[in-house]
PDB file of N, CA and C in Angstrom:
ATOM      1  N   MET A   1       0.850  -1.172   0.000  1.00  0.00           N
ATOM      2  CA  MET A   1       0.000   0.000   0.000  1.00  0.00           C
ATOM      3  C   MET A   1       0.897   1.239   0.000  1.00  0.00           C
ATOM      4  N   LYS A   2       0.424   2.288  -0.646  1.00  0.00           N
ATOM      5  CA  LYS A   2       1.186   3.529  -0.752  1.00  0.00           C
ATOM      6  C   LYS A   2       0.310   4.723  -0.362  1.00  0.00           C
ATOM      7  N   MET A   3       0.984   5.784   0.074  1.00  0.00           N
ATOM      8  CA  MET A   3       0.335   7.078   0.230  1.00  0.00           C
ATOM      9  C   MET A   3       0.696   7.868  -1.017  1.00  0.00           C
ATOM     10  N   PHE A   4      -0.318   8.267  -1.758  1.00  0.00           N
ATOM     11  CA  PHE A   4      -0.128   9.062  -2.966  1.00  0.00           C
ATOM     12  C   PHE A   4      -0.393  10.510  -2.581  1.00  0.00           C
ATOM     13  N   LEU A   5       0.568  11.378  -2.793  1.00  0.00           N
ATOM     14  CA  LEU A   5       0.479  12.787  -2.414  1.00  0.00           C
ATOM     15  C   LEU A   5       0.573  13.637  -3.671  1.00  0.00           C
ATOM     16  N   VAL A   6      -0.370  14.554  -3.830  1.00  0.00           N
ATOM     17  CA  VAL A   6      -0.371  15.486  -4.953  1.00  0.00           C
ATOM     18  C   VAL A   6      -0.386  16.902  -4.397  1.00  0.00           C
ATOM     19  N   VAL A   7       0.467  17.751  -4.940  1.00  0.00           N
ATOM     20  CA  VAL A   7       0.519  19.164  -4.563  1.00  0.00           C
ATOM     21  C   VAL A   7       0.211  19.976  -5.825  1.00  0.00           C
ATOM     22  N   TYR A   8      -0.669  20.967  -5.677  1.00  0.00           N
ATOM     23  CA  TYR A   8      -1.084  21.750  -6.848  1.00  0.00           C
ATOM     24  C   TYR A   8      -1.565  23.127  -6.399  1.00  0.00           C
ATOM     25  N   ALA A   9      -1.556  24.066  -7.330  1.00  0.00           N
ATOM     26  CA  ALA A   9      -2.023  25.419  -7.044  1.00  0.00           C
ATOM     27  C   ALA A   9      -3.511  25.403  -6.724  1.00  0.00           C
ATOM     28  N   ASP A  10      -3.907  26.197  -5.739  1.00  0.00           N
ATOM     29  CA  ASP A  10      -5.284  26.251  -5.273  1.00  0.00           C
ATOM     30  C   ASP A  10      -6.277  26.500  -6.410  1.00  0.00           C
ATOM     31  N   TYR A  11      -5.898  27.299  -7.403  1.00  0.00           N
ATOM     32  CA  TYR A  11      -6.846  27.622  -8.464  1.00  0.00           C
ATOM     33  C   TYR A  11      -7.164  26.427  -9.359  1.00  0.00           C
ATOM     34  N   PHE A  12      -6.470  25.302  -9.212  1.00  0.00           N
ATOM     35  CA  PHE A  12      -6.794  24.077  -9.930  1.00  0.00           C
ATOM     36  C   PHE A  12      -7.665  23.123  -9.105  1.00  0.00           C
ATOM     37  N   ASP A  13      -8.110  23.549  -7.944  1.00  0.00           N
ATOM     38  CA  ASP A  13      -8.790  22.636  -7.024  1.00  0.00           C
ATOM     39  C   ASP A  13     -10.004  21.946  -7.639  1.00  0.00           C
ATOM     40  N   GLU A  14     -10.879  22.702  -8.249  1.00  0.00           N
ATOM     41  CA  GLU A  14     -12.085  22.105  -8.828  1.00  0.00           C
ATOM     42  C   GLU A  14     -11.720  21.130  -9.940  1.00  0.00           C
ATOM     43  N   ARG A  15     -10.776  21.499 -10.772  1.00  0.00           N
ATOM     44  CA  ARG A  15     -10.347  20.631 -11.881  1.00  0.00           C
ATOM     45  C   ARG A  15      -9.733  19.332 -11.363  1.00  0.00           C
ATOM     46  N   ILE A  16      -8.881  19.419 -10.356  1.00  0.00           N
ATOM     47  CA  ILE A  16      -8.238  18.234  -9.782  1.00  0.00           C
ATOM     48  C   ILE A  16      -9.290  17.312  -9.161  1.00  0.00           C
ATOM     49  N   SER A  17     -10.161  17.870  -8.344  1.00  0.00           N
ATOM     50  CA  SER A  17     -11.186  17.060  -7.680  1.00  0.00           C
ATOM     51  C   SER A  17     -12.057  16.337  -8.696  1.00  0.00           C
ATOM     52  N   LYS A  18     -12.494  17.039  -9.725  1.00  0.00           N
ATOM     53  CA  LYS A  18     -13.340  16.453 -10.764  1.00  0.00           C
ATOM     54  C   LYS A  18     -12.586  15.355 -11.520  1.00  0.00           C
ATOM     55  N   THR A  19     -11.330  15.603 -11.849  1.00  0.00           N
ATOM     56  CA  THR A  19     -10.538  14.633 -12.597  1.00  0.00           C
ATOM     57  C   THR A  19     -10.338  13.347 -11.808  1.00  0.00           C
ATOM     58  N   PHE A  20      -9.993  13.466 -10.525  1.00  0.00           N
ATOM     59  CA  PHE A  20      -9.811  12.271  -9.704  1.00  0.00           C
ATOM     60  C   PHE A  20     -11.123  11.495  -9.557  1.00  0.00           C
ATOM     61  N   LEU A  21     -12.207  12.192  -9.344  1.00  0.00           N
ATOM     62  CA  LEU A  21     -13.501  11.537  -9.196  1.00  0.00           C
ATOM     63  C   LEU A  21     -13.877  10.788 -10.476  1.00  0.00           C
ATOM     64  N   GLU A  22     -13.697  11.432 -11.634  1.00  0.00           N
ATOM     65  CA  GLU A  22     -14.010  10.795 -12.910  1.00  0.00           C
ATOM     66  C   GLU A  22     -13.123   9.576 -13.168  1.00  0.00           C
ATOM     67  N   ALA A  23     -11.904   9.580 -12.637  1.00  0.00           N
ATOM     68  CA  ALA A  23     -10.977   8.461 -12.819  1.00  0.00           C
ATOM     69  C   ALA A  23     -11.225   7.350 -11.798  1.00  0.00           C
ATOM     70  N   GLY A  24     -12.191   7.554 -10.895  1.00  0.00           N
ATOM     71  CA  GLY A  24     -12.526   6.529  -9.915  1.00  0.00           C
ATOM     72  C   GLY A  24     -11.786   6.642  -8.601  1.00  0.00           C
ATOM     73  N   PHE A  25     -11.160   7.797  -8.365  1.00  0.00           N
ATOM     74  CA  PHE A  25     -10.426   8.022  -7.116  1.00  0.00           C
ATOM     75  C   PHE A  25     -11.136   9.117  -6.316  1.00  0.00           C
ATOM     76  N   GLY A  26     -12.194   8.733  -5.631  1.00  0.00           N
ATOM     77  CA  GLY A  26     -13.004   9.706  -4.910  1.00  0.00           C
ATOM     78  C   GLY A  26     -12.769   9.742  -3.412  1.00  0.00           C
ATOM     79  N   LYS A  27     -11.846   8.909  -2.922  1.00  0.00           N
ATOM     80  CA  LYS A  27     -11.581   8.878  -1.478  1.00  0.00           C
ATOM     81  C   LYS A  27     -10.199   9.450  -1.216  1.00  0.00           C
ATOM     82  N   TYR A  28     -10.174  10.566  -0.513  1.00  0.00           N
ATOM     83  CA  TYR A  28      -8.899  11.230  -0.241  1.00  0.00           C
ATOM     84  C   TYR A  28      -9.050  12.200   0.918  1.00  0.00           C
ATOM     85  N   THR A  29      -7.937  12.684   1.385  1.00  0.00           N
ATOM     86  CA  THR A  29      -7.909  13.766   2.363  1.00  0.00           C
ATOM     87  C   THR A  29      -7.255  14.957   1.678  1.00  0.00           C
ATOM     88  N   LYS A  30      -7.914  16.104   1.768  1.00  0.00           N
ATOM     89  CA  LYS A  30      -7.401  17.304   1.118  1.00  0.00           C
ATOM     90  C   LYS A  30      -7.000  18.322   2.174  1.00  0.00           C
ATOM     91  N   VAL A  31      -5.850  18.941   1.974  1.00  0.00           N
ATOM     92  CA  VAL A  31      -5.366  19.999   2.848  1.00  0.00           C
ATOM     93  C   VAL A  31      -5.309  21.278   2.013  1.00  0.00           C
ATOM     94  N   HIS A  32      -6.075  22.277   2.440  1.00  0.00           N
ATOM     95  CA  HIS A  32      -6.130  23.558   1.720  1.00  0.00           C
ATOM     96  C   HIS A  32      -5.126  24.551   2.306  1.00  0.00           C
ATOM     97  N   GLY A  33      -4.621  25.410   1.444  1.00  0.00           N
ATOM     98  CA  GLY A  33      -3.837  26.548   1.903  1.00  0.00           C
ATOM     99  C   GLY A  33      -2.406  26.256   2.312  1.00  0.00           C
ATOM    100  N   VAL A  34      -1.796  25.226   1.730  1.00  0.00           N
ATOM    101  CA  VAL A  34      -0.389  24.978   2.045  1.00  0.00           C
ATOM    102  C   VAL A  34       0.473  25.906   1.203  1.00  0.00           C
ATOM    103  N   THR A  35       1.627  26.230   1.700  1.00  0.00           N
ATOM    104  CA  THR A  35       2.519  27.137   0.981  1.00  0.00           C
ATOM    105  C   THR A  35       3.819  26.434   0.657  1.00  0.00           C
ATOM    106  N   GLY A  36       4.529  26.988  -0.326  1.00  0.00           N
ATOM    107  CA  GLY A  36       5.807  26.385  -0.663  1.00  0.00           C
ATOM    108  C   GLY A  36       6.403  26.964  -1.927  1.00  0.00           C
ATOM    109  N   ARG A  37       7.550  26.434  -2.230  1.00  0.00           N
ATOM    110  CA  ARG A  37       8.307  26.871  -3.392  1.00  0.00           C
ATOM    111  C   ARG A  37       8.741  25.606  -4.133  1.00  0.00           C
ATOM    112  N   GLY A  38       8.439  25.534  -5.427  1.00  0.00           N
ATOM    113  CA  GLY A  38       8.768  24.344  -6.203  1.00  0.00           C
ATOM    114  C   GLY A  38       9.745  24.645  -7.320  1.00  0.00           C
ATOM    115  N   GLU A  39       9.969  23.634  -8.132  1.00  0.00           N
ATOM    116  CA  GLU A  39      10.909  23.759  -9.240  1.00  0.00           C
ATOM    117  C   GLU A  39      10.275  24.315 -10.505  1.00  0.00           C
ATOM    118  N   GLU A  40       8.990  24.105 -10.699  1.00  0.00           N
ATOM    119  CA  GLU A  40       8.358  24.429 -11.975  1.00  0.00           C
ATOM    120  C   GLU A  40       7.434  25.642 -11.952  1.00  0.00           C
ATOM    121  N   SER A  41       7.137  26.175 -10.798  1.00  0.00           N
ATOM    122  CA  SER A  41       6.212  27.305 -10.731  1.00  0.00           C
ATOM    123  C   SER A  41       6.733  28.327  -9.724  1.00  0.00           C
ATOM    124  N   GLU A  42       6.092  29.469  -9.747  1.00  0.00           N
ATOM    125  CA  GLU A  42       6.467  30.519  -8.797  1.00  0.00           C
ATOM    126  C   GLU A  42       6.124  30.083  -7.376  1.00  0.00           C
ATOM    127  N   ALA A  43       6.843  30.647  -6.421  1.00  0.00           N
ATOM    128  CA  ALA A  43       6.551  30.364  -5.015  1.00  0.00           C
ATOM    129  C   ALA A  43       5.125  30.802  -4.697  1.00  0.00           C
ATOM    130  N   LYS A  44       4.459  30.010  -3.914  1.00  0.00           N
ATOM    131  CA  LYS A  44       3.110  30.347  -3.440  1.00  0.00           C
ATOM    132  C   LYS A  44       3.188  30.338  -1.924  1.00  0.00           C
ATOM    133  N   LEU A  45       3.433  31.522  -1.370  1.00  0.00           N
ATOM    134  CA  LEU A  45       3.671  31.646   0.059  1.00  0.00           C
ATOM    135  C   LEU A  45       2.563  32.391   0.785  1.00  0.00           C
ATOM    136  N   GLY A  46       1.527  32.810   0.060  1.00  0.00           N
ATOM    137  CA  GLY A  46       0.415  33.501   0.685  1.00  0.00           C
ATOM    138  C   GLY A  46       0.769  34.884   1.189  1.00  0.00           C
ATOM    139  N   THR A  47       1.797  35.491   0.605  1.00  0.00           N
ATOM    140  CA  THR A  47       2.220  36.828   1.021  1.00  0.00           C
ATOM    141  C   THR A  47       2.005  37.825  -0.116  1.00  0.00           C
ATOM    142  N   HIS A  48       2.215  39.087   0.186  1.00  0.00           N
ATOM    143  CA  HIS A  48       2.095  40.130  -0.825  1.00  0.00           C
ATOM    144  C   HIS A  48       3.090  39.902  -1.965  1.00  0.00           C
ATOM    145  N   TYR A  49       4.291  39.481  -1.631  1.00  0.00           N
ATOM    146  CA  TYR A  49       5.344  39.299  -2.627  1.00  0.00           C
ATOM    147  C   TYR A  49       5.279  37.941  -3.329  1.00  0.00           C
ATOM    148  N   SER A  50       4.720  36.965  -2.678  1.00  0.00           N
ATOM    149  CA  SER A  50       4.555  35.623  -3.262  1.00  0.00           C
ATOM    150  C   SER A  50       3.126  35.157  -2.998  1.00  0.00           C
ATOM    151  N   PRO A  51       2.163  35.746  -3.748  1.00  0.00           N
ATOM    152  CA  PRO A  51       0.758  35.422  -3.488  1.00  0.00           C
ATOM    153  C   PRO A  51       0.403  33.997  -3.915  1.00  0.00           C
ATOM    154  N   GLY A  52      -0.738  33.569  -3.471  1.00  0.00           N
ATOM    155  CA  GLY A  52      -1.255  32.264  -3.834  1.00  0.00           C
ATOM    156  C   GLY A  52      -0.901  31.202  -2.819  1.00  0.00           C
ATOM    157  N   LYS A  53      -1.628  30.127  -2.896  1.00  0.00           N
ATOM    158  CA  LYS A  53      -1.395  28.989  -2.015  1.00  0.00           C
ATOM    159  C   LYS A  53      -1.595  27.716  -2.820  1.00  0.00           C
ATOM    160  N   ASN A  54      -1.164  26.624  -2.244  1.00  0.00           N
ATOM    161  CA  ASN A  54      -1.341  25.303  -2.836  1.00  0.00           C
ATOM    162  C   ASN A  54      -2.329  24.500  -2.011  1.00  0.00           C
ATOM    163  N   ASN A  55      -2.764  23.410  -2.577  1.00  0.00           N
ATOM    164  CA  ASN A  55      -3.525  22.403  -1.864  1.00  0.00           C
ATOM    165  C   ASN A  55      -2.790  21.084  -2.018  1.00  0.00           C
ATOM    166  N   SER A  56      -3.052  20.169  -1.122  1.00  0.00           N
ATOM    167  CA  SER A  56      -2.473  18.827  -1.196  1.00  0.00           C
ATOM    168  C   SER A  56      -3.583  17.805  -1.032  1.00  0.00           C
ATOM    169  N   ILE A  57      -3.453  16.713  -1.759  1.00  0.00           N
ATOM    170  CA  ILE A  57      -4.365  15.588  -1.620  1.00  0.00           C
ATOM    171  C   ILE A  57      -3.540  14.376  -1.224  1.00  0.00           C
ATOM    172  N   PHE A  58      -4.027  13.671  -0.218  1.00  0.00           N
ATOM    173  CA  PHE A  58      -3.420  12.428   0.242  1.00  0.00           C
ATOM    174  C   PHE A  58      -4.407  11.302  -0.045  1.00  0.00           C
ATOM    175  N   MET A  59      -3.927  10.235  -0.686  1.00  0.00           N
ATOM    176  CA  MET A  59      -4.762   9.070  -0.973  1.00  0.00           C
ATOM    177  C   MET A  59      -4.025   7.812  -0.570  1.00  0.00           C
ATOM    178  N   ALA A  60      -4.665   6.978   0.207  1.00  0.00           N
ATOM    179  CA  ALA A  60      -4.129   5.658   0.523  1.00  0.00           C
ATOM    180  C   ALA A  60      -4.606   4.718  -0.578  1.00  0.00           C
ATOM    181  N   VAL A  61      -3.655   4.154  -1.331  1.00  0.00           N
ATOM    182  CA  VAL A  61      -4.022   3.318  -2.474  1.00  0.00           C
ATOM    183  C   VAL A  61      -3.181   2.047  -2.514  1.00  0.00           C
ATOM    184  N   GLN A  62      -3.725   1.060  -3.167  1.00  0.00           N
ATOM    185  CA  GLN A  62      -2.982  -0.166  -3.392  1.00  0.00           C
ATOM    186  C   GLN A  62      -1.876   0.105  -4.416  1.00  0.00           C
ATOM    187  N   ASP A  63      -0.789  -0.615  -4.309  1.00  0.00           N
ATOM    188  CA  ASP A  63       0.355  -0.413  -5.204  1.00  0.00           C
ATOM    189  C   ASP A  63      -0.041  -0.451  -6.675  1.00  0.00           C
ATOM    190  N   GLU A  64      -0.937  -1.355  -7.037  1.00  0.00           N
ATOM    191  CA  GLU A  64      -1.296  -1.506  -8.450  1.00  0.00           C
ATOM    192  C   GLU A  64      -2.104  -0.325  -8.998  1.00  0.00           C
ATOM    193  N   GLU A  65      -2.608   0.565  -8.123  1.00  0.00           N
ATOM    194  CA  GLU A  65      -3.346   1.746  -8.581  1.00  0.00           C
ATOM    195  C   GLU A  65      -2.423   2.920  -8.915  1.00  0.00           C
ATOM    196  N   ILE A  66      -1.191   2.859  -8.473  1.00  0.00           N
ATOM    197  CA  ILE A  66      -0.257   3.965  -8.671  1.00  0.00           C
ATOM    198  C   ILE A  66      -0.074   4.318 -10.151  1.00  0.00           C
ATOM    199  N   PRO A  67       0.134   3.358 -11.056  1.00  0.00           N
ATOM    200  CA  PRO A  67       0.299   3.733 -12.463  1.00  0.00           C
ATOM    201  C   PRO A  67      -0.881   4.530 -13.025  1.00  0.00           C
ATOM    202  N   ARG A  68      -2.107   4.174 -12.654  1.00  0.00           N
ATOM    203  CA  ARG A  68      -3.279   4.938 -13.124  1.00  0.00           C
ATOM    204  C   ARG A  68      -3.282   6.349 -12.573  1.00  0.00           C
ATOM    205  N   LEU A  69      -2.928   6.497 -11.295  1.00  0.00           N
ATOM    206  CA  LEU A  69      -2.871   7.837 -10.701  1.00  0.00           C
ATOM    207  C   LEU A  69      -1.789   8.679 -11.377  1.00  0.00           C
ATOM    208  N   LEU A  70      -0.660   8.079 -11.652  1.00  0.00           N
ATOM    209  CA  LEU A  70       0.411   8.812 -12.335  1.00  0.00           C
ATOM    210  C   LEU A  70      -0.024   9.243 -13.737  1.00  0.00           C
ATOM    211  N   GLU A  71      -0.801   8.401 -14.393  1.00  0.00           N
ATOM    212  CA  GLU A  71      -1.317   8.760 -15.714  1.00  0.00           C
ATOM    213  C   GLU A  71      -2.236   9.970 -15.620  1.00  0.00           C
ATOM    214  N   VAL A  72      -3.073  10.011 -14.596  1.00  0.00           N
ATOM    215  CA  VAL A  72      -3.960  11.161 -14.395  1.00  0.00           C
ATOM    216  C   VAL A  72      -3.133  12.438 -14.231  1.00  0.00           C
ATOM    217  N   ILE A  73      -2.087  12.371 -13.407  1.00  0.00           N
ATOM    218  CA  ILE A  73      -1.246  13.554 -13.177  1.00  0.00           C
ATOM    219  C   ILE A  73      -0.484  13.937 -14.442  1.00  0.00           C
ATOM    220  N   ARG A  74       0.043  12.959 -15.157  1.00  0.00           N
ATOM    221  CA  ARG A  74       0.760  13.263 -16.414  1.00  0.00           C
ATOM    222  C   ARG A  74      -0.160  13.952 -17.409  1.00  0.00           C
ATOM    223  N   ASP A  75      -1.412  13.492 -17.502  1.00  0.00           N
ATOM    224  CA  ASP A  75      -2.373  14.125 -18.407  1.00  0.00           C
ATOM    225  C   ASP A  75      -2.646  15.570 -17.997  1.00  0.00           C
ATOM    226  N   LEU A  76      -2.790  15.808 -16.696  1.00  0.00           N
ATOM    227  CA  LEU A  76      -3.017  17.177 -16.220  1.00  0.00           C
ATOM    228  C   LEU A  76      -1.802  18.067 -16.501  1.00  0.00           C
ATOM    229  N   ARG A  77      -0.612  17.534 -16.263  1.00  0.00           N
ATOM    230  CA  ARG A  77       0.609  18.301 -16.531  1.00  0.00           C
ATOM    231  C   ARG A  77       0.736  18.648 -18.015  1.00  0.00           C
ATOM    232  N   ALA A  78       0.332  17.712 -18.893  1.00  0.00           N
ATOM    233  CA  ALA A  78       0.373  17.967 -20.331  1.00  0.00           C
ATOM    234  C   ALA A  78      -0.647  19.032 -20.731  1.00  0.00           C
ATOM    235  N   GLU A  79      -1.807  18.991 -20.079  1.00  0.00           N
ATOM    236  CA  GLU A  79      -2.862  19.964 -20.366  1.00  0.00           C
ATOM    237  C   GLU A  79      -2.512  21.357 -19.848  1.00  0.00           C
ATOM    238  N   TYR A  80      -1.788  21.407 -18.724  1.00  0.00           N
ATOM    239  CA  TYR A  80      -1.415  22.680 -18.096  1.00  0.00           C
ATOM    240  C   TYR A  80       0.102  22.722 -17.867  1.00  0.00           C
ATOM    241  N   PRO A  81       0.890  22.880 -18.933  1.00  0.00           N
ATOM    242  CA  PRO A  81       2.354  22.891 -18.744  1.00  0.00           C
ATOM    243  C   PRO A  81       2.795  24.044 -17.847  1.00  0.00           C
ATOM    244  N   GLY A  82       3.789  23.778 -17.030  1.00  0.00           N
ATOM    245  CA  GLY A  82       4.308  24.801 -16.127  1.00  0.00           C
ATOM    246  C   GLY A  82       3.431  25.072 -14.922  1.00  0.00           C
ATOM    247  N   SER A  83       2.403  24.255 -14.716  1.00  0.00           N
ATOM    248  CA  SER A  83       1.460  24.498 -13.626  1.00  0.00           C
ATOM    249  C   SER A  83       2.005  24.088 -12.270  1.00  0.00           C
ATOM    250  N   GLY A  84       3.022  23.235 -12.255  1.00  0.00           N
ATOM    251  CA  GLY A  84       3.633  22.843 -10.996  1.00  0.00           C
ATOM    252  C   GLY A  84       2.978  21.657 -10.312  1.00  0.00           C
ATOM    253  N   PHE A  85       2.093  20.923 -11.003  1.00  0.00           N
ATOM    254  CA  PHE A  85       1.536  19.707 -10.409  1.00  0.00           C
ATOM    255  C   PHE A  85       2.681  18.787 -10.028  1.00  0.00           C
ATOM    256  N   ARG A  86       2.676  18.302  -8.793  1.00  0.00           N
ATOM    257  CA  ARG A  86       3.709  17.366  -8.349  1.00  0.00           C
ATOM    258  C   ARG A  86       3.032  16.206  -7.650  1.00  0.00           C
ATOM    259  N   ALA A  87       3.569  15.012  -7.848  1.00  0.00           N
ATOM    260  CA  ALA A  87       3.020  13.818  -7.213  1.00  0.00           C
ATOM    261  C   ALA A  87       4.155  13.007  -6.605  1.00  0.00           C
ATOM    262  N   PHE A  88       3.861  12.396  -5.477  1.00  0.00           N
ATOM    263  CA  PHE A  88       4.841  11.601  -4.744  1.00  0.00           C
ATOM    264  C   PHE A  88       4.153  10.366  -4.185  1.00  0.00           C
ATOM    265  N   THR A  89       4.910   9.305  -3.991  1.00  0.00           N
ATOM    266  CA  THR A  89       4.394   8.143  -3.275  1.00  0.00           C
ATOM    267  C   THR A  89       5.282   7.890  -2.066  1.00  0.00           C
ATOM    268  N   LEU A  90       4.649   7.433  -1.023  1.00  0.00           N
ATOM    269  CA  LEU A  90       5.346   7.099   0.216  1.00  0.00           C
ATOM    270  C   LEU A  90       4.874   5.725   0.677  1.00  0.00           C
ATOM    271  N   PRO A  91       5.731   4.944   1.291  1.00  0.00           N
ATOM    272  CA  PRO A  91       5.263   3.673   1.841  1.00  0.00           C
ATOM    273  C   PRO A  91       4.201   3.926   2.913  1.00  0.00           C
ATOM    274  N   LEU A  92       3.235   3.049   2.984  1.00  0.00           N
ATOM    275  CA  LEU A  92       2.139   3.251   3.929  1.00  0.00           C
ATOM    276  C   LEU A  92       1.800   1.935   4.602  1.00  0.00           C
ATOM    277  N   GLU A  93       1.674   2.003   5.894  1.00  0.00           N
ATOM    278  CA  GLU A  93       1.256   0.851   6.669  1.00  0.00           C
ATOM    279  C   GLU A  93       0.097   1.278   7.541  1.00  0.00           C
ATOM    280  N   GLU A  94      -1.055   0.659   7.367  1.00  0.00           N
ATOM    281  CA  GLU A  94      -2.227   0.984   8.189  1.00  0.00           C
ATOM    282  C   GLU A  94      -2.027   0.432   9.592  1.00  0.00           C
ATOM    283  N   CYS A  95      -2.250   1.281  10.581  1.00  0.00           N
ATOM    284  CA  CYS A  95      -2.014   0.884  11.977  1.00  0.00           C
ATOM    285  C   CYS A  95      -3.283   0.456  12.707  1.00  0.00           C
ATOM    286  N   ILE A  96      -4.415   0.984  12.338  1.00  0.00           N
ATOM    287  CA  ILE A  96      -5.666   0.664  13.020  1.00  0.00           C
ATOM    288  C   ILE A  96      -6.709   0.249  12.007  1.00  0.00           C
TER     289      ILE A  96
END
């Protein structure tokens, strides 16, 4: 099992949510208003000099679902080049 983490600009929130739902990934935890600086987009620090914020989605998924999720992100990145969509996987062990 893996934790799939996606970080994206807040203004893509509706598009991301709709895309994941249409792809069959409707169970997740979303964190709004995270800030940071990435490699592909301007810093989003929520300040006057670096306006904007990001959101993050966390999904606990089976290993075999990862390729489909990566395809969803690759398609979004192709549709919105330079948007800064980033995806990561982390090992996950359910404790309870």
